[in-house]
Each structure stands twice: as C-alpha cells, then as structure tokens.
Amino acid sequence: MSKNNIYITYLYNSGFIAETEKHLMIFDFCLGVSDVNTINATVLKSKPYVTVFVSHAHRDHFNPMILRWRVRRPDIQYIFSDDIPELDNVIRMRSGEAIEINNMNIIALPSTDIGVSFLVTVDGFVIYHAGDLNYWNWQQENNSIEEYQIRQRKAKIAFQRALYPLRKEEIDVAFFPVDPQIGSNYDEGAIYFINNFSPKVFVPMHFRREYAVCEKLRKKLGSSESQVFCISHVGQVF
C-alpha cells in the first residue's frame, strides 16, 4: 500500500475499517458472532498497529465480543468512550481528552448523544468519526409548532457547539450520520458539516441498509468540494 493511500471498508451502520500504511483501525463494529469472526487473524495481523474505536455503548455501535480479537492479536489497542464500563486493557476517553499511541494522535470530542466522537491523526491523514454526533432534528410528530421550534433550536445549538473544536482542522475523511429515521431532515447535519468543514472525503453512515440516502445526498450537494462516497453494500471497499 502506498503511504499516500487510505482504504475504507464498510462494515454496517456506523462501522468501518480504515487502513493506512501502518495502521488498521476498526470503528464502531456492531455485528453478530459470525461477523466478529470475519475479522480473522490474517486481517488483524495485516498491519503493524491495530486500534479498535467504540464511540459509545449503544448496541448499534458496540458489540462486546470484539474483545475476543485480543486472542488473535495480543497487542491490539481498544479506545472506548467513557460511557462504557471499565474493562481490562481498554483505554477509556471522555470528551476533551487526547492521547498519543503507536504514532497516532487521538482526540475525543463531544457528541450530541451519549459518548464521544473521535479525531484521529495517523500516517499523514486526519480522520473524523462522529459516532452519534448529528443535528438530530426529528421530523415533527405530535408536538405543537412552538414546541417543535424550541426543540429544533436547542438541537441546532447543541450540534454547532459540539462541532466547534473542529473549526481549525483540515479533515481528510469524515464518517458522519445520514439517518433516514430522522425524517425529511435526515441530511441537514451532513450538509451543514460538509459546507462548514469541507472534508476531502465524506462517508455517510448510520443508515443501516438504506443505501439510497448516499446517492440522494450526493445529488443534493451537486458540485461540492467534498467527495461523497456512495455505499451500496456491506464489505464495500473505497
């Protein structure tokens, strides 16, 4: 692999593998027993360093069985949000904390849900995984218009405040939610993020298997400077 390349594999929902010259990084793996075993010894030994990130404890982001990977790769590093209970040989991070490990700089940043988002600088790349940080502007249901507008304003302020620490970063790859469950507002957070932070590559996530949202977002953005990856299946590699 060229030192100027990064390979990204879609696992499911907000789960990805990111591979650089020396590092294998696994983010928010949430799949089942058989899927955990697909991260086999060959994969886990493919790079000098392997790091597993978990942004928070929700079961669509965290499967505790990933701790079994240590049997195959004893020097594997686990970086978890501090909302996950303490575990042996796991580094837990809260928002605002930074560590440097295996020539990788990791900063835990805020979320608009539980847990954290991660900013990772590694092998010349800056990678941002948002976890469950999003503008959770849920489509109006049974609330009055006034209640909806108040909730909407609060959600937007919290979202913009959580992103403030990124204002000076030049992000190469951003993994960010584009969740159809929100309703018609599903892409507001993503569009705000792209327009304000201009990641070189924007990778939609948190849509389960509703792949159509990726192409819809790309068409809506038009000639954006950010390249939007259009995911179409589990296991897809970019």
C-alpha atoms as a PDB file:
ATOM      1  CA  MET A   1       0.000   0.000   0.000  1.00  0.00           C
ATOM      2  CA  SER A   2       1.276   3.455  -0.874  1.00  0.00           C
ATOM      3  CA  LYS A   3       1.821   5.723   2.095  1.00  0.00           C
ATOM      4  CA  ASN A   4      -0.455   8.227   0.350  1.00  0.00           C
ATOM      5  CA  ASN A   5      -3.447   5.888   0.291  1.00  0.00           C
ATOM      6  CA  ILE A   6      -6.166   5.065   2.766  1.00  0.00           C
ATOM      7  CA  TYR A   7      -8.540   2.139   2.245  1.00  0.00           C
ATOM      8  CA  ILE A   8     -12.018   2.198   3.786  1.00  0.00           C
ATOM      9  CA  THR A   9     -14.286  -0.838   4.167  1.00  0.00           C
ATOM     10  CA  TYR A  10     -17.957  -0.516   5.083  1.00  0.00           C
ATOM     11  CA  LEU A  11     -18.989  -2.972   7.803  1.00  0.00           C
ATOM     12  CA  TYR A  12     -22.518  -1.925   8.804  1.00  0.00           C
ATOM     13  CA  ASN A  13     -24.354   1.139  10.134  1.00  0.00           C
ATOM     14  CA  SER A  14     -21.502   3.245  11.595  1.00  0.00           C
ATOM     15  CA  GLY A  15     -18.899   0.502  11.405  1.00  0.00           C
ATOM     16  CA  PHE A  16     -15.837   0.830   9.179  1.00  0.00           C
ATOM     17  CA  ILE A  17     -12.305  -0.398   8.739  1.00  0.00           C
ATOM     18  CA  ALA A  18      -9.738   2.249   7.784  1.00  0.00           C
ATOM     19  CA  GLU A  19      -6.299   1.086   6.631  1.00  0.00           C
ATOM     20  CA  THR A  20      -3.257   3.301   6.171  1.00  0.00           C
ATOM     21  CA  GLU A  21       0.361   2.375   5.555  1.00  0.00           C
ATOM     22  CA  LYS A  22       0.997   1.105   9.101  1.00  0.00           C
ATOM     23  CA  HIS A  23      -2.380   1.135  10.823  1.00  0.00           C
ATOM     24  CA  LEU A  24      -5.575  -0.896  10.809  1.00  0.00           C
ATOM     25  CA  MET A  25      -8.406   0.982  12.541  1.00  0.00           C
ATOM     26  CA  ILE A  26     -11.841  -0.500  13.241  1.00  0.00           C
ATOM     27  CA  PHE A  27     -14.630   1.911  14.174  1.00  0.00           C
ATOM     28  CA  ASP A  28     -17.959   1.071  15.889  1.00  0.00           C
ATOM     29  CA  PHE A  29     -18.199  -2.608  14.978  1.00  0.00           C
ATOM     30  CA  CYS A  30     -21.664  -3.821  15.986  1.00  0.00           C
ATOM     31  CA  LEU A  31     -22.312  -7.006  14.036  1.00  0.00           C
ATOM     32  CA  GLY A  32     -23.010 -10.519  15.364  1.00  0.00           C
ATOM     33  CA  VAL A  33     -20.940 -13.538  16.393  1.00  0.00           C
ATOM     34  CA  SER A  34     -20.249 -14.848  12.892  1.00  0.00           C
ATOM     35  CA  ASP A  35     -19.380 -11.344  11.684  1.00  0.00           C
ATOM     36  CA  VAL A  36     -16.938 -10.768  14.539  1.00  0.00           C
ATOM     37  CA  ASN A  37     -15.102 -13.861  13.339  1.00  0.00           C
ATOM     38  CA  THR A  38     -14.693 -12.377   9.842  1.00  0.00           C
ATOM     39  CA  ILE A  39     -12.089 -10.077  11.379  1.00  0.00           C
ATOM     40  CA  ASN A  40      -9.733 -13.023  11.343  1.00  0.00           C
ATOM     41  CA  ALA A  41      -6.080 -13.479  12.217  1.00  0.00           C
ATOM     42  CA  THR A  42      -4.985 -12.531   8.706  1.00  0.00           C
ATOM     43  CA  VAL A  43      -6.817  -9.218   8.877  1.00  0.00           C
ATOM     44  CA  LEU A  44      -5.645  -8.494  12.415  1.00  0.00           C
ATOM     45  CA  LYS A  45      -2.003  -9.184  11.516  1.00  0.00           C
ATOM     46  CA  SER A  46      -2.034  -7.212   8.284  1.00  0.00           C
ATOM     47  CA  LYS A  47      -0.595  -4.022   9.810  1.00  0.00           C
ATOM     48  CA  PRO A  48       1.998  -3.212  12.481  1.00  0.00           C
ATOM     49  CA  TYR A  49      -0.686  -1.496  14.602  1.00  0.00           C
ATOM     50  CA  VAL A  50      -4.355  -2.352  15.167  1.00  0.00           C
ATOM     51  CA  THR A  51      -6.701   0.000  17.020  1.00  0.00           C
ATOM     52  CA  VAL A  52     -10.400  -0.536  17.742  1.00  0.00           C
ATOM     53  CA  PHE A  53     -12.571   2.516  18.444  1.00  0.00           C
ATOM     54  CA  VAL A  54     -16.008   2.499  20.077  1.00  0.00           C
ATOM     55  CA  SER A  55     -17.769   5.866  20.231  1.00  0.00           C
ATOM     56  CA  HIS A  56     -20.426   4.805  22.757  1.00  0.00           C
ATOM     57  CA  ALA A  57     -22.322   1.882  24.250  1.00  0.00           C
ATOM     58  CA  HIS A  58     -25.412   1.753  22.015  1.00  0.00           C
ATOM     59  CA  ARG A  59     -25.686  -1.743  20.598  1.00  0.00           C
ATOM     60  CA  ASP A  60     -25.737  -0.446  17.012  1.00  0.00           C
ATOM     61  CA  HIS A  61     -22.187   0.810  17.654  1.00  0.00           C
ATOM     62  CA  PHE A  62     -20.715  -1.670  20.143  1.00  0.00           C
ATOM     63  CA  ASN A  63     -20.512  -5.440  20.343  1.00  0.00           C
ATOM     64  CA  PRO A  64     -18.523  -6.560  23.435  1.00  0.00           C
ATOM     65  CA  MET A  65     -17.420  -9.667  21.532  1.00  0.00           C
ATOM     66  CA  ILE A  66     -14.827  -7.533  19.748  1.00  0.00           C
ATOM     67  CA  LEU A  67     -12.712  -8.002  22.868  1.00  0.00           C
ATOM     68  CA  ARG A  68     -12.117 -11.570  21.665  1.00  0.00           C
ATOM     69  CA  TRP A  69      -9.865 -10.197  18.935  1.00  0.00           C
ATOM     70  CA  ARG A  70      -7.155  -9.874  21.562  1.00  0.00           C
ATOM     71  CA  VAL A  71      -6.691 -13.656  21.397  1.00  0.00           C
ATOM     72  CA  ARG A  72      -5.613 -13.313  17.767  1.00  0.00           C
ATOM     73  CA  ARG A  73      -3.748 -10.029  18.206  1.00  0.00           C
ATOM     74  CA  PRO A  74      -2.449  -9.627  21.808  1.00  0.00           C
ATOM     75  CA  ASP A  75      -1.097  -6.103  21.250  1.00  0.00           C
ATOM     76  CA  ILE A  76      -4.392  -4.751  19.869  1.00  0.00           C
ATOM     77  CA  GLN A  77      -5.427  -1.369  21.317  1.00  0.00           C
ATOM     78  CA  TYR A  78      -9.021  -0.627  22.351  1.00  0.00           C
ATOM     79  CA  ILE A  79     -10.128   3.011  22.607  1.00  0.00           C
ATOM     80  CA  PHE A  80     -13.613   3.310  24.116  1.00  0.00           C
ATOM     81  CA  SER A  81     -15.827   6.184  25.178  1.00  0.00           C
ATOM     82  CA  ASP A  82     -16.040   6.516  28.952  1.00  0.00           C
ATOM     83  CA  ASP A  83     -19.792   5.787  28.972  1.00  0.00           C
ATOM     84  CA  ILE A  84     -18.761   2.133  28.523  1.00  0.00           C
ATOM     85  CA  PRO A  85     -17.930   0.463  31.884  1.00  0.00           C
ATOM     86  CA  GLU A  86     -14.273  -0.061  32.732  1.00  0.00           C
ATOM     87  CA  LEU A  87     -12.682  -3.130  31.176  1.00  0.00           C
ATOM     88  CA  ASP A  88      -9.201  -4.617  31.469  1.00  0.00           C
ATOM     89  CA  ASN A  89      -6.656  -3.286  28.982  1.00  0.00           C
ATOM     90  CA  VAL A  90      -9.073  -0.795  27.440  1.00  0.00           C
ATOM     91  CA  ILE A  91      -8.361   2.936  27.231  1.00  0.00           C
ATOM     92  CA  ARG A  92     -11.482   4.954  28.032  1.00  0.00           C
ATOM     93  CA  MET A  93     -11.719   8.554  26.870  1.00  0.00           C
ATOM     94  CA  ARG A  94     -14.048  11.402  27.702  1.00  0.00           C
ATOM     95  CA  SER A  95     -14.674  14.449  25.559  1.00  0.00           C
ATOM     96  CA  GLY A  96     -11.709  16.809  25.584  1.00  0.00           C
ATOM     97  CA  GLU A  97      -9.080  14.165  26.295  1.00  0.00           C
ATOM     98  CA  ALA A  98      -6.173  13.479  23.947  1.00  0.00           C
ATOM     99  CA  ILE A  99      -3.649  10.660  23.792  1.00  0.00           C
ATOM    100  CA  GLU A 100      -0.778   9.640  21.554  1.00  0.00           C
ATOM    101  CA  ILE A 101      -0.259   5.940  20.995  1.00  0.00           C
ATOM    102  CA  ASN A 102       1.668   3.995  18.310  1.00  0.00           C
ATOM    103  CA  ASN A 103       2.446   7.184  16.347  1.00  0.00           C
ATOM    104  CA  MET A 104      -1.249   8.042  16.310  1.00  0.00           C
ATOM    105  CA  ASN A 105      -2.817  11.118  17.853  1.00  0.00           C
ATOM    106  CA  ILE A 106      -6.374  10.622  19.148  1.00  0.00           C
ATOM    107  CA  ILE A 107      -8.700  13.319  20.479  1.00  0.00           C
ATOM    108  CA  ALA A 108     -12.108  12.518  21.943  1.00  0.00           C
ATOM    109  CA  LEU A 109     -14.587  15.257  21.059  1.00  0.00           C
ATOM    110  CA  PRO A 110     -18.215  15.944  22.006  1.00  0.00           C
ATOM    111  CA  SER A 111     -21.326  14.175  20.785  1.00  0.00           C
ATOM    112  CA  THR A 112     -24.943  15.296  20.684  1.00  0.00           C
ATOM    113  CA  ASP A 113     -25.904  11.891  22.073  1.00  0.00           C
ATOM    114  CA  ILE A 114     -24.029   9.740  24.570  1.00  0.00           C
ATOM    115  CA  GLY A 115     -20.322   9.017  24.196  1.00  0.00           C
ATOM    116  CA  VAL A 116     -17.837  10.866  22.035  1.00  0.00           C
ATOM    117  CA  SER A 117     -16.667  11.476  18.506  1.00  0.00           C
ATOM    118  CA  PHE A 118     -13.053  10.755  17.521  1.00  0.00           C
ATOM    119  CA  LEU A 119     -10.473  12.854  15.674  1.00  0.00           C
ATOM    120  CA  VAL A 120      -7.516  10.685  14.641  1.00  0.00           C
ATOM    121  CA  THR A 121      -4.297  11.844  13.012  1.00  0.00           C
ATOM    122  CA  VAL A 122      -2.340   8.922  11.577  1.00  0.00           C
ATOM    123  CA  ASP A 123       0.132   8.301   8.740  1.00  0.00           C
ATOM    124  CA  GLY A 124      -0.467  11.790   7.370  1.00  0.00           C
ATOM    125  CA  PHE A 125      -4.277  11.573   7.420  1.00  0.00           C
ATOM    126  CA  VAL A 126      -6.833  13.335   9.605  1.00  0.00           C
ATOM    127  CA  ILE A 127      -9.877  11.112  10.196  1.00  0.00           C
ATOM    128  CA  TYR A 128     -13.070  12.149  11.975  1.00  0.00           C
ATOM    129  CA  HIS A 129     -15.632   9.596  13.144  1.00  0.00           C
ATOM    130  CA  ALA A 130     -18.705  11.383  14.500  1.00  0.00           C
ATOM    131  CA  GLY A 131     -20.204   8.496  16.483  1.00  0.00           C
ATOM    132  CA  ASP A 132     -23.750   9.649  17.207  1.00  0.00           C
ATOM    133  CA  LEU A 133     -22.989  13.343  16.818  1.00  0.00           C
ATOM    134  CA  ASN A 134     -25.592  14.797  14.474  1.00  0.00           C
ATOM    135  CA  TYR A 135     -28.191  17.513  14.140  1.00  0.00           C
ATOM    136  CA  TRP A 136     -30.979  15.316  15.499  1.00  0.00           C
ATOM    137  CA  ASN A 137     -33.773  17.471  14.098  1.00  0.00           C
ATOM    138  CA  TRP A 138     -36.505  14.850  14.225  1.00  0.00           C
ATOM    139  CA  GLN A 139     -39.480  15.381  11.921  1.00  0.00           C
ATOM    140  CA  GLN A 140     -42.416  16.941  13.766  1.00  0.00           C
ATOM    141  CA  GLU A 141     -44.911  14.396  15.050  1.00  0.00           C
ATOM    142  CA  ASN A 142     -47.369  15.224  17.844  1.00  0.00           C
ATOM    143  CA  ASN A 143     -45.758  18.381  19.206  1.00  0.00           C
ATOM    144  CA  SER A 144     -47.180  21.839  18.712  1.00  0.00           C
ATOM    145  CA  ILE A 145     -45.370  24.089  16.241  1.00  0.00           C
ATOM    146  CA  GLU A 146     -43.975  26.133  19.124  1.00  0.00           C
ATOM    147  CA  GLU A 147     -42.669  23.052  20.948  1.00  0.00           C
ATOM    148  CA  TYR A 148     -41.127  21.777  17.735  1.00  0.00           C
ATOM    149  CA  GLN A 149     -39.366  25.088  17.040  1.00  0.00           C
ATOM    150  CA  ILE A 150     -37.943  25.241  20.574  1.00  0.00           C
ATOM    151  CA  ARG A 151     -36.686  21.671  20.312  1.00  0.00           C
ATOM    152  CA  GLN A 152     -35.263  22.399  16.869  1.00  0.00           C
ATOM    153  CA  ARG A 153     -33.333  25.455  18.096  1.00  0.00           C
ATOM    154  CA  LYS A 154     -31.913  23.563  21.075  1.00  0.00           C
ATOM    155  CA  ALA A 155     -30.811  20.681  18.840  1.00  0.00           C
ATOM    156  CA  LYS A 156     -29.125  23.055  16.378  1.00  0.00           C
ATOM    157  CA  ILE A 157     -27.253  24.967  19.098  1.00  0.00           C
ATOM    158  CA  ALA A 158     -26.039  21.710  20.678  1.00  0.00           C
ATOM    159  CA  PHE A 159     -24.928  20.430  17.275  1.00  0.00           C
ATOM    160  CA  GLN A 160     -22.981  23.540  16.311  1.00  0.00           C
ATOM    161  CA  ARG A 161     -21.392  23.759  19.759  1.00  0.00           C
ATOM    162  CA  ALA A 162     -20.246  20.131  19.576  1.00  0.00           C
ATOM    163  CA  LEU A 163     -18.560  20.780  16.225  1.00  0.00           C
ATOM    164  CA  TYR A 164     -16.765  23.932  17.361  1.00  0.00           C
ATOM    165  CA  PRO A 165     -13.487  22.124  18.270  1.00  0.00           C
ATOM    166  CA  LEU A 166     -13.118  21.092  14.606  1.00  0.00           C
ATOM    167  CA  ARG A 167     -13.102  24.649  13.259  1.00  0.00           C
ATOM    168  CA  LYS A 168      -9.332  24.700  12.532  1.00  0.00           C
ATOM    169  CA  GLU A 169      -8.960  21.099  11.379  1.00  0.00           C
ATOM    170  CA  GLU A 170      -8.315  20.017   7.794  1.00  0.00           C
ATOM    171  CA  ILE A 171     -10.174  16.733   7.652  1.00  0.00           C
ATOM    172  CA  ASP A 172      -9.291  14.133   5.043  1.00  0.00           C
ATOM    173  CA  VAL A 173     -12.002  11.564   5.821  1.00  0.00           C
ATOM    174  CA  ALA A 174     -15.203  12.193   7.783  1.00  0.00           C
ATOM    175  CA  PHE A 175     -17.606   9.432   8.819  1.00  0.00           C
ATOM    176  CA  PHE A 176     -20.886  11.171   9.616  1.00  0.00           C
ATOM    177  CA  PRO A 177     -24.555  10.162  10.199  1.00  0.00           C
ATOM    178  CA  VAL A 178     -27.132  10.445   7.435  1.00  0.00           C
ATOM    179  CA  ASP A 179     -30.062   8.764   9.156  1.00  0.00           C
ATOM    180  CA  PRO A 180     -33.428   8.349   7.365  1.00  0.00           C
ATOM    181  CA  GLN A 181     -35.144   7.691  10.709  1.00  0.00           C
ATOM    182  CA  ILE A 182     -34.999  11.449  11.385  1.00  0.00           C
ATOM    183  CA  GLY A 183     -37.467  12.009   8.556  1.00  0.00           C
ATOM    184  CA  SER A 184     -37.256  14.725   5.904  1.00  0.00           C
ATOM    185  CA  ASN A 185     -34.493  16.473   7.882  1.00  0.00           C
ATOM    186  CA  TYR A 186     -32.188  13.437   7.618  1.00  0.00           C
ATOM    187  CA  ASP A 187     -29.411  15.243   5.737  1.00  0.00           C
ATOM    188  CA  GLU A 188     -29.359  18.658   7.470  1.00  0.00           C
ATOM    189  CA  GLY A 189     -26.480  17.776   9.775  1.00  0.00           C
ATOM    190  CA  ALA A 190     -24.447  16.271   6.947  1.00  0.00           C
ATOM    191  CA  ILE A 191     -24.933  19.274   4.665  1.00  0.00           C
ATOM    192  CA  TYR A 192     -24.000  21.684   7.448  1.00  0.00           C
ATOM    193  CA  PHE A 193     -20.886  19.641   8.216  1.00  0.00           C
ATOM    194  CA  ILE A 194     -19.766  19.481   4.585  1.00  0.00           C
ATOM    195  CA  ASN A 195     -20.416  23.178   3.936  1.00  0.00           C
ATOM    196  CA  ASN A 196     -18.574  24.301   7.079  1.00  0.00           C
ATOM    197  CA  PHE A 197     -15.698  21.813   7.376  1.00  0.00           C
ATOM    198  CA  SER A 198     -15.100  20.696   3.766  1.00  0.00           C
ATOM    199  CA  PRO A 199     -13.685  17.208   4.386  1.00  0.00           C
ATOM    200  CA  LYS A 200     -11.879  15.842   1.345  1.00  0.00           C
ATOM    201  CA  VAL A 201     -13.982  12.686   1.610  1.00  0.00           C
ATOM    202  CA  PHE A 202     -17.383  12.420   3.288  1.00  0.00           C
ATOM    203  CA  VAL A 203     -18.545   8.911   4.203  1.00  0.00           C
ATOM    204  CA  PRO A 204     -22.254   8.626   5.122  1.00  0.00           C
ATOM    205  CA  MET A 205     -23.162   6.277   7.968  1.00  0.00           C
ATOM    206  CA  HIS A 206     -25.891   5.281  10.445  1.00  0.00           C
ATOM    207  CA  PHE A 207     -28.367   4.370   7.693  1.00  0.00           C
ATOM    208  CA  ARG A 208     -28.284   0.583   8.174  1.00  0.00           C
ATOM    209  CA  ARG A 209     -29.102  -0.780   4.676  1.00  0.00           C
ATOM    210  CA  GLU A 210     -30.984   2.232   3.290  1.00  0.00           C
ATOM    211  CA  TYR A 211     -28.235   2.870   0.781  1.00  0.00           C
ATOM    212  CA  ALA A 212     -30.273   5.232  -1.385  1.00  0.00           C
ATOM    213  CA  VAL A 213     -29.627   8.102   1.031  1.00  0.00           C
ATOM    214  CA  CYS A 214     -25.980   8.231  -0.073  1.00  0.00           C
ATOM    215  CA  GLU A 215     -26.790   8.993  -3.712  1.00  0.00           C
ATOM    216  CA  LYS A 216     -29.584  11.386  -2.705  1.00  0.00           C
ATOM    217  CA  LEU A 217     -27.120  13.349  -0.586  1.00  0.00           C
ATOM    218  CA  ARG A 218     -24.513  13.468  -3.344  1.00  0.00           C
ATOM    219  CA  LYS A 219     -27.046  14.740  -5.876  1.00  0.00           C
ATOM    220  CA  LYS A 220     -28.324  17.352  -3.448  1.00  0.00           C
ATOM    221  CA  LEU A 221     -24.820  18.688  -2.818  1.00  0.00           C
ATOM    222  CA  GLY A 222     -24.074  18.974  -6.529  1.00  0.00           C
ATOM    223  CA  SER A 223     -20.590  20.346  -7.146  1.00  0.00           C
ATOM    224  CA  SER A 224     -19.384  20.200  -3.551  1.00  0.00           C
ATOM    225  CA  GLU A 225     -15.623  20.167  -2.991  1.00  0.00           C
ATOM    226  CA  SER A 226     -16.086  17.116  -0.758  1.00  0.00           C
ATOM    227  CA  GLN A 227     -16.249  13.722  -2.413  1.00  0.00           C
ATOM    228  CA  VAL A 228     -19.270  11.813  -1.074  1.00  0.00           C
ATOM    229  CA  PHE A 229     -18.881   8.041  -1.014  1.00  0.00           C
ATOM    230  CA  CYS A 230     -21.981   6.209  -2.194  1.00  0.00           C
ATOM    231  CA  ILE A 231     -22.120   2.970  -0.226  1.00  0.00           C
ATOM    232  CA  SER A 232     -24.142   0.152  -1.789  1.00  0.00           C
ATOM    233  CA  HIS A 233     -23.328  -2.985   0.223  1.00  0.00           C
ATOM    234  CA  VAL A 234     -21.648  -4.402   3.311  1.00  0.00           C
ATOM    235  CA  GLY A 235     -17.979  -5.137   2.623  1.00  0.00           C
ATOM    236  CA  GLN A 236     -17.619  -2.394   0.014  1.00  0.00           C
ATOM    237  CA  VAL A 237     -14.073  -1.021  -0.204  1.00  0.00           C
ATOM    238  CA  PHE A 238     -13.084   2.501  -1.237  1.00  0.00           C
END
